[in-house]
Amino acid sequence: MAEPVASDAPSRPLPVKALLAVAIVMVMACVGGYLASSKWQAVRQEQQRLADPLRAFTDEPTAEKQLLTLQAAIRANPQDSAQWATLGEYYLWRNAYDNALLAYQQALRLRGENAEIYSALATVRYYQSGQHMTPETREMIDKALALDASEVTALMLLAADAFMQADYVQAIAFWQKLLDLNSPRVNRVQLIDAINMAKLLQNRQK
């Protein structure tokens, strides 16, 4: 504590309220100057960026209504894994694989182990690698099927990859398994067409 300065007049302490008022004025003056500075503006913008759950996503050239609706829903409730998964699907259909991957990864973090999300992640990785079955993609598929042996997307990926590798017997087996599931997620007409095409190509191999 500083020693009192000598004075001819008798010393007496300032009232506490007066000291508080002076302190507030000084703080407000300092804060006011800081708020007006470009440094504060930069800090504030960075705080807003870090607080935005969508900060890791690159902006689309044109913000479509569906994307804006999804982003608004996620900002309103960042813990909603279903909205994150829907956002992943939105980006996947537009071949924006980096953004799709980020969205599905966040959905998985929020929801926990989930066969459909693992399959979605595998789909992103598969197309990201130019339709090649990488070890990471296969790992995601295996995780999905371990949770749900009838997971449609995982089986579709295996069938598609077998077809790409000209393993038509395996592709037909996977597609037939999907048909036998009678899942509403399966387009039976397209699957039957795919099986017939695989059989045709298989016969040409003989």
C-alpha atoms as a PDB file:
ATOM      1  CA  MET A   1       0.000   0.000   0.000  1.00  0.00           C
ATOM      2  CA  ALA A   2       1.432   3.437  -0.972  1.00  0.00           C
ATOM      3  CA  GLU A   3       2.390   5.865   1.813  1.00  0.00           C
ATOM      4  CA  PRO A   4       0.262   9.040   2.085  1.00  0.00           C
ATOM      5  CA  VAL A   5       1.698  12.185   0.532  1.00  0.00           C
ATOM      6  CA  ALA A   6       2.522  14.982   2.995  1.00  0.00           C
ATOM      7  CA  SER A   7       0.187  17.957   2.915  1.00  0.00           C
ATOM      8  CA  ASP A   8      -0.491  21.055   4.944  1.00  0.00           C
ATOM      9  CA  ALA A   9      -4.191  20.232   5.042  1.00  0.00           C
ATOM     10  CA  PRO A  10      -5.401  17.335   7.169  1.00  0.00           C
ATOM     11  CA  SER A  11      -5.712  14.160   5.081  1.00  0.00           C
ATOM     12  CA  ARG A  12      -8.953  12.220   4.859  1.00  0.00           C
ATOM     13  CA  PRO A  13      -9.974   9.308   2.647  1.00  0.00           C
ATOM     14  CA  LEU A  14     -12.244   9.825  -0.307  1.00  0.00           C
ATOM     15  CA  PRO A  15     -15.707   8.312   0.122  1.00  0.00           C
ATOM     16  CA  VAL A  16     -15.928   4.732  -1.188  1.00  0.00           C
ATOM     17  CA  LYS A  17     -18.734   5.655  -3.618  1.00  0.00           C
ATOM     18  CA  ALA A  18     -16.601   8.410  -5.113  1.00  0.00           C
ATOM     19  CA  LEU A  19     -13.653   6.052  -5.582  1.00  0.00           C
ATOM     20  CA  LEU A  20     -15.929   3.519  -7.241  1.00  0.00           C
ATOM     21  CA  ALA A  21     -17.331   6.172  -9.573  1.00  0.00           C
ATOM     22  CA  VAL A  22     -13.837   7.260 -10.597  1.00  0.00           C
ATOM     23  CA  ALA A  23     -12.808   3.655 -11.224  1.00  0.00           C
ATOM     24  CA  ILE A  24     -15.883   3.042 -13.382  1.00  0.00           C
ATOM     25  CA  VAL A  25     -15.226   6.181 -15.432  1.00  0.00           C
ATOM     26  CA  MET A  26     -11.604   5.152 -15.992  1.00  0.00           C
ATOM     27  CA  VAL A  27     -12.560   1.603 -16.983  1.00  0.00           C
ATOM     28  CA  MET A  28     -15.283   2.832 -19.330  1.00  0.00           C
ATOM     29  CA  ALA A  29     -12.863   5.264 -20.931  1.00  0.00           C
ATOM     30  CA  CYS A  30     -10.331   2.505 -21.524  1.00  0.00           C
ATOM     31  CA  VAL A  31     -12.936   0.033 -22.753  1.00  0.00           C
ATOM     32  CA  GLY A  32     -14.555   2.654 -24.952  1.00  0.00           C
ATOM     33  CA  GLY A  33     -11.267   3.370 -26.645  1.00  0.00           C
ATOM     34  CA  TYR A  34     -10.611  -0.346 -27.082  1.00  0.00           C
ATOM     35  CA  LEU A  35     -14.063  -0.990 -28.511  1.00  0.00           C
ATOM     36  CA  ALA A  36     -13.537   1.744 -31.064  1.00  0.00           C
ATOM     37  CA  SER A  37     -10.178   0.334 -32.129  1.00  0.00           C
ATOM     38  CA  SER A  38      -9.660  -1.906 -35.152  1.00  0.00           C
ATOM     39  CA  LYS A  39      -8.042  -4.462 -32.850  1.00  0.00           C
ATOM     40  CA  TRP A  40     -11.289  -4.910 -30.922  1.00  0.00           C
ATOM     41  CA  GLN A  41     -13.241  -5.283 -34.141  1.00  0.00           C
ATOM     42  CA  ALA A  42     -10.876  -8.038 -35.243  1.00  0.00           C
ATOM     43  CA  VAL A  43     -11.121  -9.760 -31.857  1.00  0.00           C
ATOM     44  CA  ARG A  44     -14.910  -9.521 -31.902  1.00  0.00           C
ATOM     45  CA  GLN A  45     -15.110 -10.975 -35.400  1.00  0.00           C
ATOM     46  CA  GLU A  46     -12.867 -13.852 -34.341  1.00  0.00           C
ATOM     47  CA  GLN A  47     -15.039 -14.502 -31.265  1.00  0.00           C
ATOM     48  CA  GLN A  48     -18.128 -14.629 -33.460  1.00  0.00           C
ATOM     49  CA  ARG A  49     -16.362 -16.946 -35.886  1.00  0.00           C
ATOM     50  CA  LEU A  50     -15.289 -19.331 -33.127  1.00  0.00           C
ATOM     51  CA  ALA A  51     -18.789 -19.306 -31.636  1.00  0.00           C
ATOM     52  CA  ASP A  52     -20.317 -20.304 -34.965  1.00  0.00           C
ATOM     53  CA  PRO A  53     -20.785 -24.104 -35.126  1.00  0.00           C
ATOM     54  CA  LEU A  54     -20.511 -23.899 -38.916  1.00  0.00           C
ATOM     55  CA  ARG A  55     -17.193 -22.051 -38.950  1.00  0.00           C
ATOM     56  CA  ALA A  56     -15.263 -24.953 -40.512  1.00  0.00           C
ATOM     57  CA  PHE A  57     -17.445 -25.059 -43.607  1.00  0.00           C
ATOM     58  CA  THR A  58     -16.590 -23.248 -46.796  1.00  0.00           C
ATOM     59  CA  ASP A  59     -19.361 -21.097 -48.213  1.00  0.00           C
ATOM     60  CA  GLU A  60     -21.165 -22.241 -51.331  1.00  0.00           C
ATOM     61  CA  PRO A  61     -20.904 -19.886 -54.328  1.00  0.00           C
ATOM     62  CA  THR A  62     -24.655 -19.406 -54.121  1.00  0.00           C
ATOM     63  CA  ALA A  63     -26.441 -19.948 -50.822  1.00  0.00           C
ATOM     64  CA  GLU A  64     -29.498 -22.008 -51.608  1.00  0.00           C
ATOM     65  CA  LYS A  65     -32.641 -21.806 -49.528  1.00  0.00           C
ATOM     66  CA  GLN A  66     -32.248 -25.361 -48.245  1.00  0.00           C
ATOM     67  CA  LEU A  67     -28.706 -24.667 -47.073  1.00  0.00           C
ATOM     68  CA  LEU A  68     -29.737 -21.459 -45.327  1.00  0.00           C
ATOM     69  CA  THR A  69     -32.571 -23.304 -43.579  1.00  0.00           C
ATOM     70  CA  LEU A  70     -30.216 -26.055 -42.412  1.00  0.00           C
ATOM     71  CA  GLN A  71     -27.616 -23.590 -41.202  1.00  0.00           C
ATOM     72  CA  ALA A  72     -30.245 -21.637 -39.273  1.00  0.00           C
ATOM     73  CA  ALA A  73     -31.506 -24.834 -37.631  1.00  0.00           C
ATOM     74  CA  ILE A  74     -27.984 -25.867 -36.618  1.00  0.00           C
ATOM     75  CA  ARG A  75     -27.138 -22.457 -35.222  1.00  0.00           C
ATOM     76  CA  ALA A  76     -30.355 -22.591 -33.196  1.00  0.00           C
ATOM     77  CA  ASN A  77     -29.533 -26.078 -31.885  1.00  0.00           C
ATOM     78  CA  PRO A  78     -25.902 -27.115 -32.514  1.00  0.00           C
ATOM     79  CA  GLN A  79     -26.420 -30.383 -30.598  1.00  0.00           C
ATOM     80  CA  ASP A  80     -28.987 -31.757 -33.075  1.00  0.00           C
ATOM     81  CA  SER A  81     -27.183 -34.667 -34.730  1.00  0.00           C
ATOM     82  CA  ALA A  82     -29.999 -35.231 -37.232  1.00  0.00           C
ATOM     83  CA  GLN A  83     -29.566 -31.731 -38.670  1.00  0.00           C
ATOM     84  CA  TRP A  84     -25.814 -32.260 -38.984  1.00  0.00           C
ATOM     85  CA  ALA A  85     -26.450 -35.533 -40.834  1.00  0.00           C
ATOM     86  CA  THR A  86     -28.900 -33.773 -43.148  1.00  0.00           C
ATOM     87  CA  LEU A  87     -26.281 -31.103 -43.803  1.00  0.00           C
ATOM     88  CA  GLY A  88     -23.794 -33.851 -44.647  1.00  0.00           C
ATOM     89  CA  GLU A  89     -26.259 -35.315 -47.124  1.00  0.00           C
ATOM     90  CA  TYR A  90     -26.814 -31.874 -48.657  1.00  0.00           C
ATOM     91  CA  TYR A  91     -23.090 -31.449 -49.311  1.00  0.00           C
ATOM     92  CA  LEU A  92     -22.627 -35.053 -50.450  1.00  0.00           C
ATOM     93  CA  TRP A  93     -25.240 -34.674 -53.188  1.00  0.00           C
ATOM     94  CA  ARG A  94     -23.382 -31.583 -54.391  1.00  0.00           C
ATOM     95  CA  ASN A  95     -20.011 -33.361 -54.421  1.00  0.00           C
ATOM     96  CA  ALA A  96     -18.739 -31.027 -51.691  1.00  0.00           C
ATOM     97  CA  TYR A  97     -16.969 -33.912 -49.989  1.00  0.00           C
ATOM     98  CA  ASP A  98     -14.856 -31.952 -47.502  1.00  0.00           C
ATOM     99  CA  ASN A  99     -17.911 -30.216 -46.084  1.00  0.00           C
ATOM    100  CA  ALA A 100     -19.925 -33.445 -46.134  1.00  0.00           C
ATOM    101  CA  LEU A 101     -17.195 -35.188 -44.163  1.00  0.00           C
ATOM    102  CA  LEU A 102     -17.122 -32.453 -41.525  1.00  0.00           C
ATOM    103  CA  ALA A 103     -20.895 -32.535 -41.127  1.00  0.00           C
ATOM    104  CA  TYR A 104     -21.106 -36.318 -40.799  1.00  0.00           C
ATOM    105  CA  GLN A 105     -18.192 -36.385 -38.355  1.00  0.00           C
ATOM    106  CA  GLN A 106     -19.997 -33.865 -36.166  1.00  0.00           C
ATOM    107  CA  ALA A 107     -23.202 -35.923 -36.394  1.00  0.00           C
ATOM    108  CA  LEU A 108     -21.265 -38.996 -35.259  1.00  0.00           C
ATOM    109  CA  ARG A 109     -19.690 -37.122 -32.337  1.00  0.00           C
ATOM    110  CA  LEU A 110     -23.102 -35.984 -31.164  1.00  0.00           C
ATOM    111  CA  ARG A 111     -25.036 -39.220 -31.732  1.00  0.00           C
ATOM    112  CA  GLY A 112     -22.351 -41.794 -30.971  1.00  0.00           C
ATOM    113  CA  GLU A 113     -21.938 -45.147 -32.713  1.00  0.00           C
ATOM    114  CA  ASN A 114     -24.435 -45.263 -35.576  1.00  0.00           C
ATOM    115  CA  ALA A 115     -24.564 -47.567 -38.597  1.00  0.00           C
ATOM    116  CA  GLU A 116     -26.122 -45.054 -40.990  1.00  0.00           C
ATOM    117  CA  ILE A 117     -23.602 -42.337 -40.156  1.00  0.00           C
ATOM    118  CA  TYR A 118     -20.663 -44.727 -40.538  1.00  0.00           C
ATOM    119  CA  SER A 119     -22.088 -45.689 -43.936  1.00  0.00           C
ATOM    120  CA  ALA A 120     -22.436 -42.031 -44.867  1.00  0.00           C
ATOM    121  CA  LEU A 121     -18.818 -41.390 -43.883  1.00  0.00           C
ATOM    122  CA  ALA A 122     -17.761 -44.388 -45.965  1.00  0.00           C
ATOM    123  CA  THR A 123     -19.705 -43.016 -48.934  1.00  0.00           C
ATOM    124  CA  VAL A 124     -17.965 -39.655 -48.666  1.00  0.00           C
ATOM    125  CA  ARG A 125     -14.543 -41.290 -48.455  1.00  0.00           C
ATOM    126  CA  TYR A 126     -15.338 -43.615 -51.353  1.00  0.00           C
ATOM    127  CA  TYR A 127     -16.218 -40.805 -53.733  1.00  0.00           C
ATOM    128  CA  GLN A 128     -13.526 -38.551 -52.327  1.00  0.00           C
ATOM    129  CA  SER A 129     -10.948 -41.159 -53.365  1.00  0.00           C
ATOM    130  CA  GLY A 130     -12.343 -41.441 -56.892  1.00  0.00           C
ATOM    131  CA  GLN A 131     -14.512 -44.505 -56.196  1.00  0.00           C
ATOM    132  CA  HIS A 132     -11.703 -46.567 -54.717  1.00  0.00           C
ATOM    133  CA  MET A 133     -12.137 -48.751 -51.646  1.00  0.00           C
ATOM    134  CA  THR A 134      -9.487 -47.371 -49.312  1.00  0.00           C
ATOM    135  CA  PRO A 135      -8.689 -49.026 -45.952  1.00  0.00           C
ATOM    136  CA  GLU A 136     -10.421 -46.154 -44.155  1.00  0.00           C
ATOM    137  CA  THR A 137     -13.560 -46.554 -46.269  1.00  0.00           C
ATOM    138  CA  ARG A 138     -13.620 -50.288 -45.614  1.00  0.00           C
ATOM    139  CA  GLU A 139     -13.178 -49.664 -41.893  1.00  0.00           C
ATOM    140  CA  MET A 140     -16.229 -47.381 -41.865  1.00  0.00           C
ATOM    141  CA  ILE A 141     -18.272 -49.998 -43.741  1.00  0.00           C
ATOM    142  CA  ASP A 142     -17.191 -52.730 -41.331  1.00  0.00           C
ATOM    143  CA  LYS A 143     -18.208 -50.579 -38.369  1.00  0.00           C
ATOM    144  CA  ALA A 144     -21.597 -49.924 -39.938  1.00  0.00           C
ATOM    145  CA  LEU A 145     -22.259 -53.601 -40.646  1.00  0.00           C
ATOM    146  CA  ALA A 146     -21.076 -54.604 -37.174  1.00  0.00           C
ATOM    147  CA  LEU A 147     -23.819 -52.376 -35.779  1.00  0.00           C
ATOM    148  CA  ASP A 148     -26.407 -53.371 -38.396  1.00  0.00           C
ATOM    149  CA  ALA A 149     -25.722 -56.267 -40.767  1.00  0.00           C
ATOM    150  CA  SER A 150     -28.556 -55.042 -43.011  1.00  0.00           C
ATOM    151  CA  GLU A 151     -27.380 -51.435 -43.349  1.00  0.00           C
ATOM    152  CA  VAL A 152     -28.467 -50.532 -46.867  1.00  0.00           C
ATOM    153  CA  THR A 153     -25.876 -47.890 -47.740  1.00  0.00           C
ATOM    154  CA  ALA A 154     -22.974 -50.050 -46.574  1.00  0.00           C
ATOM    155  CA  LEU A 155     -24.177 -52.997 -48.672  1.00  0.00           C
ATOM    156  CA  MET A 156     -24.762 -50.718 -51.666  1.00  0.00           C
ATOM    157  CA  LEU A 157     -21.185 -49.467 -51.418  1.00  0.00           C
ATOM    158  CA  LEU A 158     -19.819 -53.002 -51.337  1.00  0.00           C
ATOM    159  CA  ALA A 159     -21.947 -53.927 -54.343  1.00  0.00           C
ATOM    160  CA  ALA A 160     -20.895 -50.829 -56.277  1.00  0.00           C
ATOM    161  CA  ASP A 161     -17.217 -51.447 -55.566  1.00  0.00           C
ATOM    162  CA  ALA A 162     -17.485 -55.095 -56.592  1.00  0.00           C
ATOM    163  CA  PHE A 163     -19.126 -54.002 -59.842  1.00  0.00           C
ATOM    164  CA  MET A 164     -16.379 -51.418 -60.455  1.00  0.00           C
ATOM    165  CA  GLN A 165     -13.788 -54.166 -59.964  1.00  0.00           C
ATOM    166  CA  ALA A 166     -15.647 -56.390 -62.469  1.00  0.00           C
ATOM    167  CA  ASP A 167     -16.442 -58.851 -59.675  1.00  0.00           C
ATOM    168  CA  TYR A 168     -19.952 -59.350 -60.982  1.00  0.00           C
ATOM    169  CA  VAL A 169     -20.692 -62.455 -58.921  1.00  0.00           C
ATOM    170  CA  GLN A 170     -20.059 -60.538 -55.717  1.00  0.00           C
ATOM    171  CA  ALA A 171     -21.967 -57.478 -56.934  1.00  0.00           C
ATOM    172  CA  ILE A 172     -24.997 -59.603 -57.806  1.00  0.00           C
ATOM    173  CA  ALA A 173     -24.845 -61.291 -54.393  1.00  0.00           C
ATOM    174  CA  PHE A 174     -24.888 -57.951 -52.570  1.00  0.00           C
ATOM    175  CA  TRP A 175     -27.692 -56.553 -54.728  1.00  0.00           C
ATOM    176  CA  GLN A 176     -29.750 -59.698 -54.263  1.00  0.00           C
ATOM    177  CA  LYS A 177     -29.270 -59.440 -50.506  1.00  0.00           C
ATOM    178  CA  LEU A 178     -30.550 -55.876 -50.671  1.00  0.00           C
ATOM    179  CA  LEU A 179     -33.589 -56.989 -52.643  1.00  0.00           C
ATOM    180  CA  ASP A 180     -34.320 -59.665 -50.063  1.00  0.00           C
ATOM    181  CA  LEU A 181     -34.334 -57.057 -47.285  1.00  0.00           C
ATOM    182  CA  ASN A 182     -37.502 -55.464 -48.716  1.00  0.00           C
ATOM    183  CA  SER A 183     -36.294 -52.157 -47.319  1.00  0.00           C
ATOM    184  CA  PRO A 184     -38.204 -48.976 -48.229  1.00  0.00           C
ATOM    185  CA  ARG A 185     -34.793 -47.366 -48.740  1.00  0.00           C
ATOM    186  CA  VAL A 186     -34.166 -49.635 -51.737  1.00  0.00           C
ATOM    187  CA  ASN A 187     -35.293 -48.859 -55.286  1.00  0.00           C
ATOM    188  CA  ARG A 188     -36.171 -52.370 -56.421  1.00  0.00           C
ATOM    189  CA  VAL A 189     -36.484 -51.498 -60.120  1.00  0.00           C
ATOM    190  CA  GLN A 190     -32.998 -50.005 -60.219  1.00  0.00           C
ATOM    191  CA  LEU A 191     -31.542 -52.932 -58.290  1.00  0.00           C
ATOM    192  CA  ILE A 192     -33.078 -55.452 -60.686  1.00  0.00           C
ATOM    193  CA  ASP A 193     -31.694 -53.463 -63.626  1.00  0.00           C
ATOM    194  CA  ALA A 194     -28.260 -53.469 -61.976  1.00  0.00           C
ATOM    195  CA  ILE A 195     -28.399 -57.231 -61.410  1.00  0.00           C
ATOM    196  CA  ASN A 196     -29.389 -57.847 -65.030  1.00  0.00           C
ATOM    197  CA  MET A 197     -26.566 -55.616 -66.247  1.00  0.00           C
ATOM    198  CA  ALA A 198     -24.073 -57.461 -64.033  1.00  0.00           C
ATOM    199  CA  LYS A 199     -25.305 -60.816 -65.345  1.00  0.00           C
ATOM    200  CA  LEU A 200     -24.906 -59.602 -68.927  1.00  0.00           C
ATOM    201  CA  LEU A 201     -21.340 -58.464 -68.285  1.00  0.00           C
ATOM    202  CA  GLN A 202     -20.606 -61.667 -66.398  1.00  0.00           C
ATOM    203  CA  ASN A 203     -21.662 -63.726 -69.415  1.00  0.00           C
ATOM    204  CA  ARG A 204     -19.345 -61.690 -71.639  1.00  0.00           C
ATOM    205  CA  GLN A 205     -16.427 -62.611 -69.393  1.00  0.00           C
ATOM    206  CA  LYS A 206     -16.909 -66.305 -70.214  1.00  0.00           C
END
